[in-house]
C-alpha atoms as a PDB file:
ATOM      1  CA  MET A   1     -16.550   4.950  72.280  1.00  0.00           C
ATOM      2  CA  ILE A   2     -16.732   5.403  68.451  1.00  0.00           C
ATOM      3  CA  ASP A   3     -14.532   3.147  66.337  1.00  0.00           C
ATOM      4  CA  THR A   4     -12.601   5.600  63.940  1.00  0.00           C
ATOM      5  CA  SER A   5     -10.335   2.857  62.469  1.00  0.00           C
ATOM      6  CA  ARG A   6     -12.696   2.552  59.453  1.00  0.00           C
ATOM      7  CA  PRO A   7     -15.177   4.871  57.854  1.00  0.00           C
ATOM      8  CA  PRO A   8     -18.815   4.568  58.778  1.00  0.00           C
ATOM      9  CA  ALA A   9     -20.852   2.334  56.474  1.00  0.00           C
ATOM     10  CA  ALA A  10     -23.350   4.084  54.185  1.00  0.00           C
ATOM     11  CA  THR A  11     -26.924   3.401  54.849  1.00  0.00           C
ATOM     12  CA  LEU A  12     -29.629   3.194  52.169  1.00  0.00           C
ATOM     13  CA  PRO A  13     -33.028   4.777  52.644  1.00  0.00           C
ATOM     14  CA  ASP A  14     -34.599   1.334  53.177  1.00  0.00           C
ATOM     15  CA  GLY A  15     -32.257   0.732  56.120  1.00  0.00           C
ATOM     16  CA  HIS A  16     -29.945  -1.756  54.469  1.00  0.00           C
ATOM     17  CA  ASP A  17     -26.052  -1.495  54.557  1.00  0.00           C
ATOM     18  CA  ALA A  18     -24.585  -0.452  51.262  1.00  0.00           C
ATOM     19  CA  GLN A  19     -21.634  -2.891  51.778  1.00  0.00           C
ATOM     20  CA  ASP A  20     -23.998  -5.750  51.669  1.00  0.00           C
ATOM     21  CA  LEU A  21     -24.995  -4.982  48.098  1.00  0.00           C
ATOM     22  CA  GLU A  22     -23.764  -7.272  45.257  1.00  0.00           C
ATOM     23  CA  VAL A  23     -22.032  -5.557  42.415  1.00  0.00           C
ATOM     24  CA  VAL A  24     -23.395  -6.931  39.167  1.00  0.00           C
ATOM     25  CA  PRO A  25     -21.371  -6.320  35.998  1.00  0.00           C
ATOM     26  CA  VAL A  26     -23.061  -4.824  32.925  1.00  0.00           C
ATOM     27  CA  ARG A  27     -24.109  -7.514  30.527  1.00  0.00           C
ATOM     28  CA  ASN A  28     -22.641  -6.735  27.108  1.00  0.00           C
ATOM     29  CA  TYR A  29     -24.968  -8.932  25.025  1.00  0.00           C
ATOM     30  CA  GLY A  30     -24.193  -7.195  21.803  1.00  0.00           C
ATOM     31  CA  ARG A  31     -20.406  -7.868  22.270  1.00  0.00           C
ATOM     32  CA  TRP A  32     -21.000 -11.578  22.929  1.00  0.00           C
ATOM     33  CA  ILE A  33     -23.314 -11.838  19.870  1.00  0.00           C
ATOM     34  CA  ALA A  34     -20.711 -10.133  17.670  1.00  0.00           C
ATOM     35  CA  ALA A  35     -17.929 -12.412  19.036  1.00  0.00           C
ATOM     36  CA  THR A  36     -20.103 -15.499  18.495  1.00  0.00           C
ATOM     37  CA  ALA A  37     -20.864 -14.482  14.888  1.00  0.00           C
ATOM     38  CA  ALA A  38     -17.139 -13.848  14.214  1.00  0.00           C
ATOM     39  CA  LEU A  39     -16.089 -17.260  15.676  1.00  0.00           C
ATOM     40  CA  LEU A  40     -18.736 -19.060  13.554  1.00  0.00           C
ATOM     41  CA  ALA A  41     -17.600 -17.332  10.442  1.00  0.00           C
ATOM     42  CA  LEU A  42     -13.972 -18.252  11.243  1.00  0.00           C
ATOM     43  CA  VAL A  43     -14.980 -21.852  11.906  1.00  0.00           C
ATOM     44  CA  GLY A  44     -16.888 -21.896   8.695  1.00  0.00           C
ATOM     45  CA  LEU A  45     -13.996 -20.532   6.685  1.00  0.00           C
ATOM     46  CA  VAL A  46     -11.513 -22.920   8.274  1.00  0.00           C
ATOM     47  CA  GLY A  47     -13.866 -25.836   7.560  1.00  0.00           C
ATOM     48  CA  SER A  48     -14.314 -24.866   4.049  1.00  0.00           C
ATOM     49  CA  LEU A  49     -10.472 -24.709   3.423  1.00  0.00           C
ATOM     50  CA  ALA A  50      -9.965 -27.956   5.258  1.00  0.00           C
ATOM     51  CA  LYS A  51     -12.512 -29.795   2.966  1.00  0.00           C
ATOM     52  CA  ASN A  52     -11.302 -28.090  -0.209  1.00  0.00           C
ATOM     53  CA  HIS A  53      -9.708 -30.792  -2.300  1.00  0.00           C
ATOM     54  CA  ASN A  54      -8.256 -28.197  -4.703  1.00  0.00           C
ATOM     55  CA  LEU A  55      -5.686 -27.320  -1.987  1.00  0.00           C
ATOM     56  CA  HIS A  56      -4.213 -30.760  -2.197  1.00  0.00           C
ATOM     57  CA  TRP A  57      -3.304 -30.996   1.462  1.00  0.00           C
ATOM     58  CA  ASP A  58      -1.149 -34.146   0.656  1.00  0.00           C
ATOM     59  CA  VAL A  59       1.109 -31.898  -1.467  1.00  0.00           C
ATOM     60  CA  VAL A  60       1.286 -29.296   1.336  1.00  0.00           C
ATOM     61  CA  GLY A  61       2.168 -32.011   3.838  1.00  0.00           C
ATOM     62  CA  HIS A  62       4.876 -33.503   1.497  1.00  0.00           C
ATOM     63  CA  TYR A  63       6.683 -30.166   0.876  1.00  0.00           C
ATOM     64  CA  LEU A  64       6.080 -28.534   4.270  1.00  0.00           C
ATOM     65  CA  PHE A  65       9.264 -29.943   5.763  1.00  0.00           C
ATOM     66  CA  ALA A  66      11.207 -30.677   2.638  1.00  0.00           C
ATOM     67  CA  ASP A  67      14.936 -30.042   2.520  1.00  0.00           C
ATOM     68  CA  LEU A  68      14.461 -27.460  -0.303  1.00  0.00           C
ATOM     69  CA  ILE A  69      12.131 -25.481   1.862  1.00  0.00           C
ATOM     70  CA  PHE A  70      14.541 -25.459   4.872  1.00  0.00           C
ATOM     71  CA  ASP A  71      17.258 -24.205   2.473  1.00  0.00           C
ATOM     72  CA  GLY A  72      15.133 -21.422   1.408  1.00  0.00           C
ATOM     73  CA  LEU A  73      14.196 -20.646   5.069  1.00  0.00           C
ATOM     74  CA  ALA A  74      17.897 -20.387   6.038  1.00  0.00           C
ATOM     75  CA  THR A  75      18.471 -17.847   3.243  1.00  0.00           C
ATOM     76  CA  THR A  76      15.361 -15.929   4.232  1.00  0.00           C
ATOM     77  CA  LEU A  77      16.437 -15.738   7.854  1.00  0.00           C
ATOM     78  CA  TRP A  78      19.988 -14.656   7.220  1.00  0.00           C
ATOM     79  CA  LEU A  79      18.798 -12.012   4.627  1.00  0.00           C
ATOM     80  CA  THR A  80      16.352 -10.646   7.230  1.00  0.00           C
ATOM     81  CA  ALA A  81      18.943 -10.468   9.952  1.00  0.00           C
ATOM     82  CA  ALA A  82      21.793  -9.169   7.823  1.00  0.00           C
ATOM     83  CA  ALA A  83      19.514  -6.534   6.104  1.00  0.00           C
ATOM     84  CA  MET A  84      18.080  -5.355   9.372  1.00  0.00           C
ATOM     85  CA  ALA A  85      21.551  -5.015  10.979  1.00  0.00           C
ATOM     86  CA  LEU A  86      22.811  -2.999   7.777  1.00  0.00           C
ATOM     87  CA  GLY A  87      19.558  -0.950   7.747  1.00  0.00           C
ATOM     88  CA  LEU A  88      19.736  -0.090  11.439  1.00  0.00           C
ATOM     89  CA  GLY A  89      23.368   0.627  11.592  1.00  0.00           C
ATOM     90  CA  LEU A  90      23.350   2.789   8.424  1.00  0.00           C
ATOM     91  CA  GLY A  91      20.008   4.317   9.402  1.00  0.00           C
ATOM     92  CA  THR A  92      21.298   5.517  12.635  1.00  0.00           C
ATOM     93  CA  LEU A  93      24.215   7.201  10.961  1.00  0.00           C
ATOM     94  CA  VAL A  94      22.014   8.816   8.398  1.00  0.00           C
ATOM     95  CA  ALA A  95      19.616  10.008  11.141  1.00  0.00           C
ATOM     96  CA  VAL A  96      22.509  11.644  13.052  1.00  0.00           C
ATOM     97  CA  MET A  97      23.618  13.233   9.778  1.00  0.00           C
ATOM     98  CA  ARG A  98      20.167  14.664   9.144  1.00  0.00           C
ATOM     99  CA  LEU A  99      20.160  16.176  12.645  1.00  0.00           C
ATOM    100  CA  SER A 100      23.694  17.654  12.104  1.00  0.00           C
ATOM    101  CA  SER A 101      24.200  21.347  11.705  1.00  0.00           C
ATOM    102  CA  SER A 102      26.499  20.788   8.798  1.00  0.00           C
ATOM    103  CA  PRO A 103      24.701  21.552   5.504  1.00  0.00           C
ATOM    104  CA  VAL A 104      26.881  19.030   3.634  1.00  0.00           C
ATOM    105  CA  LEU A 105      26.042  16.088   5.977  1.00  0.00           C
ATOM    106  CA  TYR A 106      22.381  17.109   6.081  1.00  0.00           C
ATOM    107  CA  GLY A 107      22.171  17.328   2.293  1.00  0.00           C
ATOM    108  CA  LEU A 108      23.915  13.904   1.741  1.00  0.00           C
ATOM    109  CA  ALA A 109      21.657  12.272   4.315  1.00  0.00           C
ATOM    110  CA  THR A 110      18.476  13.844   2.677  1.00  0.00           C
ATOM    111  CA  ALA A 111      19.524  12.849  -0.782  1.00  0.00           C
ATOM    112  CA  PHE A 112      20.028   9.246   0.427  1.00  0.00           C
ATOM    113  CA  VAL A 113      16.538   8.974   2.027  1.00  0.00           C
ATOM    114  CA  TRP A 114      14.996  10.766  -0.980  1.00  0.00           C
ATOM    115  CA  VAL A 115      16.521   8.231  -3.370  1.00  0.00           C
ATOM    116  CA  PHE A 116      16.030   4.910  -1.499  1.00  0.00           C
ATOM    117  CA  ARG A 117      12.646   5.853   0.035  1.00  0.00           C
ATOM    118  CA  GLY A 118      11.355   7.296  -3.205  1.00  0.00           C
ATOM    119  CA  THR A 119      11.852   4.321  -5.524  1.00  0.00           C
ATOM    120  CA  PRO A 120      10.149   0.983  -5.261  1.00  0.00           C
ATOM    121  CA  LEU A 121      11.973  -1.908  -3.479  1.00  0.00           C
ATOM    122  CA  LEU A 122      11.314  -4.185  -6.391  1.00  0.00           C
ATOM    123  CA  VAL A 123      13.009  -1.744  -8.732  1.00  0.00           C
ATOM    124  CA  GLN A 124      16.005  -1.552  -6.366  1.00  0.00           C
ATOM    125  CA  ILE A 125      16.293  -5.333  -6.201  1.00  0.00           C
ATOM    126  CA  ILE A 126      16.255  -5.687  -9.985  1.00  0.00           C
ATOM    127  CA  PHE A 127      18.751  -2.773 -10.353  1.00  0.00           C
ATOM    128  CA  TRP A 128      21.284  -4.522  -7.972  1.00  0.00           C
ATOM    129  CA  GLY A 129      20.673  -7.852  -9.507  1.00  0.00           C
ATOM    130  CA  TYR A 130      21.420  -6.588 -13.033  1.00  0.00           C
ATOM    131  CA  ALA A 131      24.154  -4.033 -12.087  1.00  0.00           C
ATOM    132  CA  ALA A 132      26.587  -5.656 -14.378  1.00  0.00           C
ATOM    133  CA  ALA A 133      24.596  -4.258 -17.265  1.00  0.00           C
ATOM    134  CA  LEU A 134      25.655  -0.794 -16.072  1.00  0.00           C
ATOM    135  CA  TYR A 135      29.188  -1.559 -14.887  1.00  0.00           C
ATOM    136  CA  LYS A 136      30.950  -4.604 -16.119  1.00  0.00           C
ATOM    137  CA  TYR A 137      33.734  -4.256 -13.498  1.00  0.00           C
ATOM    138  CA  VAL A 138      33.860  -2.839 -10.020  1.00  0.00           C
ATOM    139  CA  LYS A 139      37.031  -0.790  -9.526  1.00  0.00           C
ATOM    140  CA  VAL A 140      38.443   1.069  -6.605  1.00  0.00           C
ATOM    141  CA  GLY A 141      41.225   3.577  -7.202  1.00  0.00           C
ATOM    142  CA  ILE A 142      42.096   7.255  -7.627  1.00  0.00           C
ATOM    143  CA  PRO A 143      39.433   9.166  -9.696  1.00  0.00           C
ATOM    144  CA  PHE A 144      40.367  10.474 -13.089  1.00  0.00           C
ATOM    145  CA  THR A 145      43.563   8.372 -13.155  1.00  0.00           C
ATOM    146  CA  ASP A 146      44.457   4.842 -14.245  1.00  0.00           C
ATOM    147  CA  VAL A 147      45.605   3.961 -10.766  1.00  0.00           C
ATOM    148  CA  THR A 148      43.464   1.006  -9.555  1.00  0.00           C
ATOM    149  CA  PHE A 149      43.739  -0.709  -6.098  1.00  0.00           C
ATOM    150  CA  PHE A 150      40.952  -3.274  -6.603  1.00  0.00           C
ATOM    151  CA  GLN A 151      39.094  -4.690  -9.601  1.00  0.00           C
ATOM    152  CA  ALA A 152      36.612  -7.517  -9.932  1.00  0.00           C
ATOM    153  CA  GLU A 153      33.869  -8.425 -12.340  1.00  0.00           C
ATOM    154  CA  THR A 154      30.477  -7.218 -11.179  1.00  0.00           C
ATOM    155  CA  ASN A 155      28.787 -10.599 -11.741  1.00  0.00           C
ATOM    156  CA  ALA A 156      31.250 -12.324  -9.619  1.00  0.00           C
ATOM    157  CA  LEU A 157      31.075  -9.756  -6.821  1.00  0.00           C
ATOM    158  CA  LEU A 158      27.347  -9.090  -6.798  1.00  0.00           C
ATOM    159  CA  THR A 159      25.901 -12.552  -6.506  1.00  0.00           C
ATOM    160  CA  PRO A 160      22.052 -12.721  -6.205  1.00  0.00           C
ATOM    161  CA  ALA A 161      22.333 -12.999  -2.513  1.00  0.00           C
ATOM    162  CA  ILE A 162      24.669 -10.040  -2.096  1.00  0.00           C
ATOM    163  CA  ALA A 163      22.586  -7.970  -4.506  1.00  0.00           C
ATOM    164  CA  ALA A 164      19.464  -8.859  -2.429  1.00  0.00           C
ATOM    165  CA  LEU A 165      21.276  -7.837   0.767  1.00  0.00           C
ATOM    166  CA  LEU A 166      22.292  -4.477  -0.625  1.00  0.00           C
ATOM    167  CA  ALA A 167      18.805  -3.747  -1.889  1.00  0.00           C
ATOM    168  CA  LEU A 168      17.040  -4.695   1.223  1.00  0.00           C
ATOM    169  CA  GLY A 169      19.596  -3.159   3.572  1.00  0.00           C
ATOM    170  CA  LEU A 170      19.871   0.150   1.808  1.00  0.00           C
ATOM    171  CA  ASN A 171      16.134   0.442   1.427  1.00  0.00           C
ATOM    172  CA  GLU A 172      15.636  -0.337   5.031  1.00  0.00           C
ATOM    173  CA  ALA A 173      18.239   2.219   6.084  1.00  0.00           C
ATOM    174  CA  ALA A 174      16.225   4.981   4.535  1.00  0.00           C
ATOM    175  CA  TYR A 175      13.116   4.056   6.511  1.00  0.00           C
ATOM    176  CA  ALA A 176      15.100   3.218   9.719  1.00  0.00           C
ATOM    177  CA  SER A 177      16.762   6.694   9.563  1.00  0.00           C
ATOM    178  CA  GLU A 178      13.452   8.319   9.946  1.00  0.00           C
ATOM    179  CA  ILE A 179      12.368   6.127  12.771  1.00  0.00           C
ATOM    180  CA  VAL A 180      15.655   6.760  14.686  1.00  0.00           C
ATOM    181  CA  ARG A 181      15.411  10.474  14.005  1.00  0.00           C
ATOM    182  CA  ALA A 182      11.900  10.590  15.348  1.00  0.00           C
ATOM    183  CA  GLY A 183      13.049   8.743  18.467  1.00  0.00           C
ATOM    184  CA  ILE A 184      16.030  11.094  18.993  1.00  0.00           C
ATOM    185  CA  GLN A 185      13.854  14.217  18.637  1.00  0.00           C
ATOM    186  CA  SER A 186      11.414  12.825  21.193  1.00  0.00           C
ATOM    187  CA  VAL A 187      14.027  13.024  23.890  1.00  0.00           C
ATOM    188  CA  ASP A 188      14.030  16.365  25.738  1.00  0.00           C
ATOM    189  CA  THR A 189      16.884  18.609  24.648  1.00  0.00           C
ATOM    190  CA  GLY A 190      17.600  19.260  28.282  1.00  0.00           C
ATOM    191  CA  GLN A 191      19.053  15.761  28.639  1.00  0.00           C
ATOM    192  CA  ALA A 192      21.806  16.519  26.097  1.00  0.00           C
ATOM    193  CA  GLU A 193      22.422  19.955  27.428  1.00  0.00           C
ATOM    194  CA  ALA A 194      22.869  18.466  30.995  1.00  0.00           C
ATOM    195  CA  ALA A 195      25.302  15.868  29.638  1.00  0.00           C
ATOM    196  CA  HIS A 196      27.367  18.523  27.868  1.00  0.00           C
ATOM    197  CA  SER A 197      27.421  20.563  30.996  1.00  0.00           C
ATOM    198  CA  LEU A 198      29.113  17.678  32.680  1.00  0.00           C
ATOM    199  CA  GLY A 199      31.826  17.433  30.047  1.00  0.00           C
ATOM    200  CA  MET A 200      30.418  14.601  27.894  1.00  0.00           C
ATOM    201  CA  ARG A 201      31.324  14.685  24.236  1.00  0.00           C
ATOM    202  CA  PRO A 202      28.460  14.820  21.735  1.00  0.00           C
ATOM    203  CA  ALA A 203      29.161  11.263  20.521  1.00  0.00           C
ATOM    204  CA  LEU A 204      29.148   9.950  24.045  1.00  0.00           C
ATOM    205  CA  THR A 205      26.045  11.823  24.889  1.00  0.00           C
ATOM    206  CA  MET A 206      24.241  10.464  21.933  1.00  0.00           C
ATOM    207  CA  ARG A 207      25.356   6.831  22.756  1.00  0.00           C
ATOM    208  CA  ARG A 208      24.837   6.926  26.501  1.00  0.00           C
ATOM    209  CA  ILE A 209      22.099   9.418  27.158  1.00  0.00           C
ATOM    210  CA  VAL A 210      19.919  10.096  24.101  1.00  0.00           C
ATOM    211  CA  LEU A 211      19.658   6.803  22.256  1.00  0.00           C
ATOM    212  CA  PRO A 212      18.807   4.648  25.367  1.00  0.00           C
ATOM    213  CA  GLN A 213      15.831   7.025  26.022  1.00  0.00           C
ATOM    214  CA  ALA A 214      14.874   7.101  22.342  1.00  0.00           C
ATOM    215  CA  MET A 215      14.575   3.303  22.270  1.00  0.00           C
ATOM    216  CA  ARG A 216      11.162   3.531  23.792  1.00  0.00           C
ATOM    217  CA  VAL A 217       9.946   5.272  20.601  1.00  0.00           C
ATOM    218  CA  ILE A 218      12.161   3.369  18.215  1.00  0.00           C
ATOM    219  CA  ILE A 219      11.446  -0.250  19.261  1.00  0.00           C
ATOM    220  CA  PRO A 220       7.723  -0.551  18.201  1.00  0.00           C
ATOM    221  CA  PRO A 221       8.084   0.648  14.617  1.00  0.00           C
ATOM    222  CA  MET A 222      11.429  -1.076  14.208  1.00  0.00           C
ATOM    223  CA  GLY A 223       9.921  -4.342  15.360  1.00  0.00           C
ATOM    224  CA  ASN A 224       7.237  -3.831  12.552  1.00  0.00           C
ATOM    225  CA  GLU A 225      10.009  -3.170  10.120  1.00  0.00           C
ATOM    226  CA  THR A 226      11.694  -6.382  10.993  1.00  0.00           C
ATOM    227  CA  ILE A 227       8.447  -8.310  10.356  1.00  0.00           C
ATOM    228  CA  ASN A 228       7.979  -6.429   7.175  1.00  0.00           C
ATOM    229  CA  MET A 229      11.577  -7.197   6.166  1.00  0.00           C
ATOM    230  CA  LEU A 230      10.929 -10.901   6.688  1.00  0.00           C
ATOM    231  CA  LYS A 231       8.088 -10.740   4.223  1.00  0.00           C
ATOM    232  CA  MET A 232       9.781  -8.433   1.737  1.00  0.00           C
ATOM    233  CA  THR A 233      12.562 -10.962   1.188  1.00  0.00           C
ATOM    234  CA  ALA A 234      10.000 -12.792  -1.000  1.00  0.00           C
ATOM    235  CA  LEU A 235      10.664 -10.155  -3.587  1.00  0.00           C
ATOM    236  CA  VAL A 236      14.246 -11.247  -4.157  1.00  0.00           C
ATOM    237  CA  SER A 237      12.811 -14.294  -5.970  1.00  0.00           C
ATOM    238  CA  VAL A 238      12.839 -12.070  -9.101  1.00  0.00           C
ATOM    239  CA  ILE A 239      16.703 -12.437  -9.197  1.00  0.00           C
ATOM    240  CA  SER A 240      16.692 -16.105  -7.941  1.00  0.00           C
ATOM    241  CA  ALA A 241      18.381 -15.425  -4.530  1.00  0.00           C
ATOM    242  CA  HIS A 242      17.376 -19.005  -3.467  1.00  0.00           C
ATOM    243  CA  ASP A 243      15.228 -17.698  -0.531  1.00  0.00           C
ATOM    244  CA  LEU A 244      12.036 -19.463   0.575  1.00  0.00           C
ATOM    245  CA  MET A 245       9.821 -17.958  -2.176  1.00  0.00           C
ATOM    246  CA  SER A 246      12.457 -18.589  -4.889  1.00  0.00           C
ATOM    247  CA  ASN A 247      12.528 -22.312  -3.911  1.00  0.00           C
ATOM    248  CA  ILE A 248       8.763 -22.482  -3.798  1.00  0.00           C
ATOM    249  CA  GLN A 249       8.533 -20.982  -7.334  1.00  0.00           C
ATOM    250  CA  ASP A 250      11.098 -23.575  -8.593  1.00  0.00           C
ATOM    251  CA  VAL A 251       8.887 -26.360  -7.185  1.00  0.00           C
ATOM    252  CA  TYR A 252       5.527 -25.158  -8.646  1.00  0.00           C
ATOM    253  CA  ALA A 253       7.245 -24.481 -11.918  1.00  0.00           C
ATOM    254  CA  GLN A 254       7.778 -28.204 -12.120  1.00  0.00           C
ATOM    255  CA  ASN A 255       4.711 -29.819 -10.568  1.00  0.00           C
ATOM    256  CA  TYR A 256       2.182 -26.959 -11.408  1.00  0.00           C
ATOM    257  CA  GLN A 257       0.800 -27.127  -7.895  1.00  0.00           C
ATOM    258  CA  VAL A 258       0.792 -23.302  -7.382  1.00  0.00           C
ATOM    259  CA  ILE A 259      -1.829 -22.935  -4.705  1.00  0.00           C
ATOM    260  CA  PRO A 260      -0.540 -25.803  -2.496  1.00  0.00           C
ATOM    261  CA  MET A 261       3.045 -24.444  -2.726  1.00  0.00           C
ATOM    262  CA  LEU A 262       1.788 -20.915  -1.818  1.00  0.00           C
ATOM    263  CA  VAL A 263       0.104 -22.435   1.195  1.00  0.00           C
ATOM    264  CA  VAL A 264       3.417 -23.918   2.260  1.00  0.00           C
ATOM    265  CA  ALA A 265       5.016 -20.620   1.929  1.00  0.00           C
ATOM    266  CA  SER A 266       2.200 -18.819   3.816  1.00  0.00           C
ATOM    267  CA  LEU A 267       2.411 -21.259   6.727  1.00  0.00           C
ATOM    268  CA  TRP A 268       6.121 -20.734   7.116  1.00  0.00           C
ATOM    269  CA  TYR A 269       5.890 -16.949   6.872  1.00  0.00           C
ATOM    270  CA  LEU A 270       3.060 -16.968   9.542  1.00  0.00           C
ATOM    271  CA  ALA A 271       5.162 -19.110  11.766  1.00  0.00           C
ATOM    272  CA  LEU A 272       8.255 -16.913  11.536  1.00  0.00           C
ATOM    273  CA  VAL A 273       6.303 -13.648  11.989  1.00  0.00           C
ATOM    274  CA  THR A 274       4.712 -15.219  15.175  1.00  0.00           C
ATOM    275  CA  LEU A 275       8.126 -15.997  16.632  1.00  0.00           C
ATOM    276  CA  LEU A 276       9.365 -12.527  15.852  1.00  0.00           C
ATOM    277  CA  SER A 277       6.432 -11.028  17.586  1.00  0.00           C
ATOM    278  CA  ILE A 278       7.522 -12.539  20.881  1.00  0.00           C
ATOM    279  CA  PRO A 279      10.809 -10.601  21.333  1.00  0.00           C
ATOM    280  CA  GLN A 280       9.276  -7.497  19.964  1.00  0.00           C
ATOM    281  CA  ALA A 281       6.560  -7.577  22.738  1.00  0.00           C
ATOM    282  CA  TRP A 282       9.278  -8.231  25.386  1.00  0.00           C
ATOM    283  CA  LEU A 283      11.399  -5.296  24.128  1.00  0.00           C
ATOM    284  CA  GLU A 284       8.339  -3.059  24.080  1.00  0.00           C
ATOM    285  CA  ARG A 285       7.607  -3.909  27.687  1.00  0.00           C
ATOM    286  CA  ARG A 286      11.249  -3.487  28.711  1.00  0.00           C
ATOM    287  CA  TYR A 287      11.774  -0.109  27.203  1.00  0.00           C
ATOM    288  CA  GLY A 288       8.180   0.982  28.057  1.00  0.00           C
ATOM    289  CA  ARG A 289       8.762   0.666  31.788  1.00  0.00           C
ATOM    290  CA  GLY A 290       7.555   3.679  33.706  1.00  0.00           C
ATOM    291  CA  THR A 291       5.149   4.839  30.991  1.00  0.00           C
ATOM    292  CA  THR A 292       1.378   4.861  31.005  1.00  0.00           C
ATOM    293  CA  HIS A 293       1.342   1.907  28.566  1.00  0.00           C
ATOM    294  CA  ALA A 294       3.619  -0.289  30.626  1.00  0.00           C
ATOM    295  CA  GLY A 295       0.774  -2.237  32.033  1.00  0.00           C
ATOM    296  CA  HIS A 296      -0.918  -2.763  28.714  1.00  0.00           C
ATOM    297  CA  THR A 297      -2.446  -6.262  28.403  1.00  0.00           C
ATOM    298  CA  SER A 298      -2.991  -8.044  25.086  1.00  0.00           C
ATOM    299  CA  ALA A 299      -6.338  -8.925  23.610  1.00  0.00           C
ATOM    300  CA  LEU A 300      -5.661 -12.564  24.340  1.00  0.00           C
ATOM    301  CA  GLN A 301      -4.902 -11.846  27.957  1.00  0.00           C
ATOM    302  CA  ARG A 302      -8.118  -9.721  28.273  1.00  0.00           C
ATOM    303  CA  MET A 303     -10.107 -12.507  26.655  1.00  0.00           C
ATOM    304  CA  LEU A 304      -8.716 -15.164  28.968  1.00  0.00           C
ATOM    305  CA  GLY A 305      -9.238 -12.767  32.034  1.00  0.00           C
ATOM    306  CA  GLY A 306     -12.838 -12.144  31.030  1.00  0.00           C
ATOM    307  CA  ALA A 307     -13.518 -15.956  30.612  1.00  0.00           C
ATOM    308  CA  THR A 308     -11.882 -16.644  33.935  1.00  0.00           C
ATOM    309  CA  GLY A 309     -14.078 -13.936  35.656  1.00  0.00           C
ATOM    310  CA  LEU A 310     -17.204 -15.338  34.032  1.00  0.00           C
ATOM    311  CA  ILE A 311     -16.453 -18.812  35.246  1.00  0.00           C
ATOM    312  CA  ALA A 312     -15.712 -17.544  38.808  1.00  0.00           C
ATOM    313  CA  ARG A 313     -19.099 -15.658  38.860  1.00  0.00           C
ATOM    314  CA  LYS A 314     -20.901 -18.735  37.594  1.00  0.00           C
ATOM    315  CA  ASN A 315     -19.376 -20.937  40.367  1.00  0.00           C
ATOM    316  CA  LYS A 316     -20.165 -18.395  42.969  1.00  0.00           C
ATOM    317  CA  GLU A 317     -23.831 -18.205  41.920  1.00  0.00           C
ATOM    318  CA  ALA A 318     -24.067 -22.019  41.736  1.00  0.00           C
ATOM    319  CA  GLY A 319     -22.652 -22.249  45.330  1.00  0.00           C
ATOM    320  CA  ARG A 320     -25.468 -20.212  46.777  1.00  0.00           C
END
């Protein structure tokens, strides 16, 4: 009787069973040489910086966890969070307006993006910081009449922190609107048509059907915008908003240790960006479920997996 539970084993011309052959992976010697050279260069650079006395590592260690630095970090973090919240909320509204069939809404949204995306962020920060030079008072009332409901001095209302928040938030809204608009347009129009056929209102369709599906496209660039926003808060030092970079500048203006203080700022920015990358990767995996990139592994995971496989093969060869 012939066993049909498994396919017959292939037989080589010399009579050996093909299943007994050992699979030997391709040796990528060039890749290993390049990786070794890159690691040696990195070690050399790190060693050179570590032994460079001009960096004054004692100054770096003294100010790395100083109270002044933590005060600046607190301002940087809340500016980043508040500016991203303002930018994402307003950007979503502007994106919906740009997709509207109303020419007035489309024109207003397009003009907003044109102005805030077309001028440098540094210019916008300085403009909001010195807005009192344009308007001494902020008034709310009926146009072309003397009726005023609210009035306050611009300098008292637009503090450096508020001016920085407006500049960062409005600038981010222009970029976020394009990201959200691209995400909405990536969703098949049949989804909205099916929702409308079930009696769902356009606003409910956008909130419950379209936007959740668009998040797969929105999350990756929006995560990059959040990281970029964290770094762009350093620009508000030009109006003394007491962020991390502002406090760093105040210190090296007194002790003249410019490079060590910039090292302190760089270390903290790198640490914060690393922490922000963790939830970004989690959100990308969550909203990317069911796509071809859902099983994507990072370079570190591939490196560790390759090293583990190499060790396993070595142990297997040594046991023979």
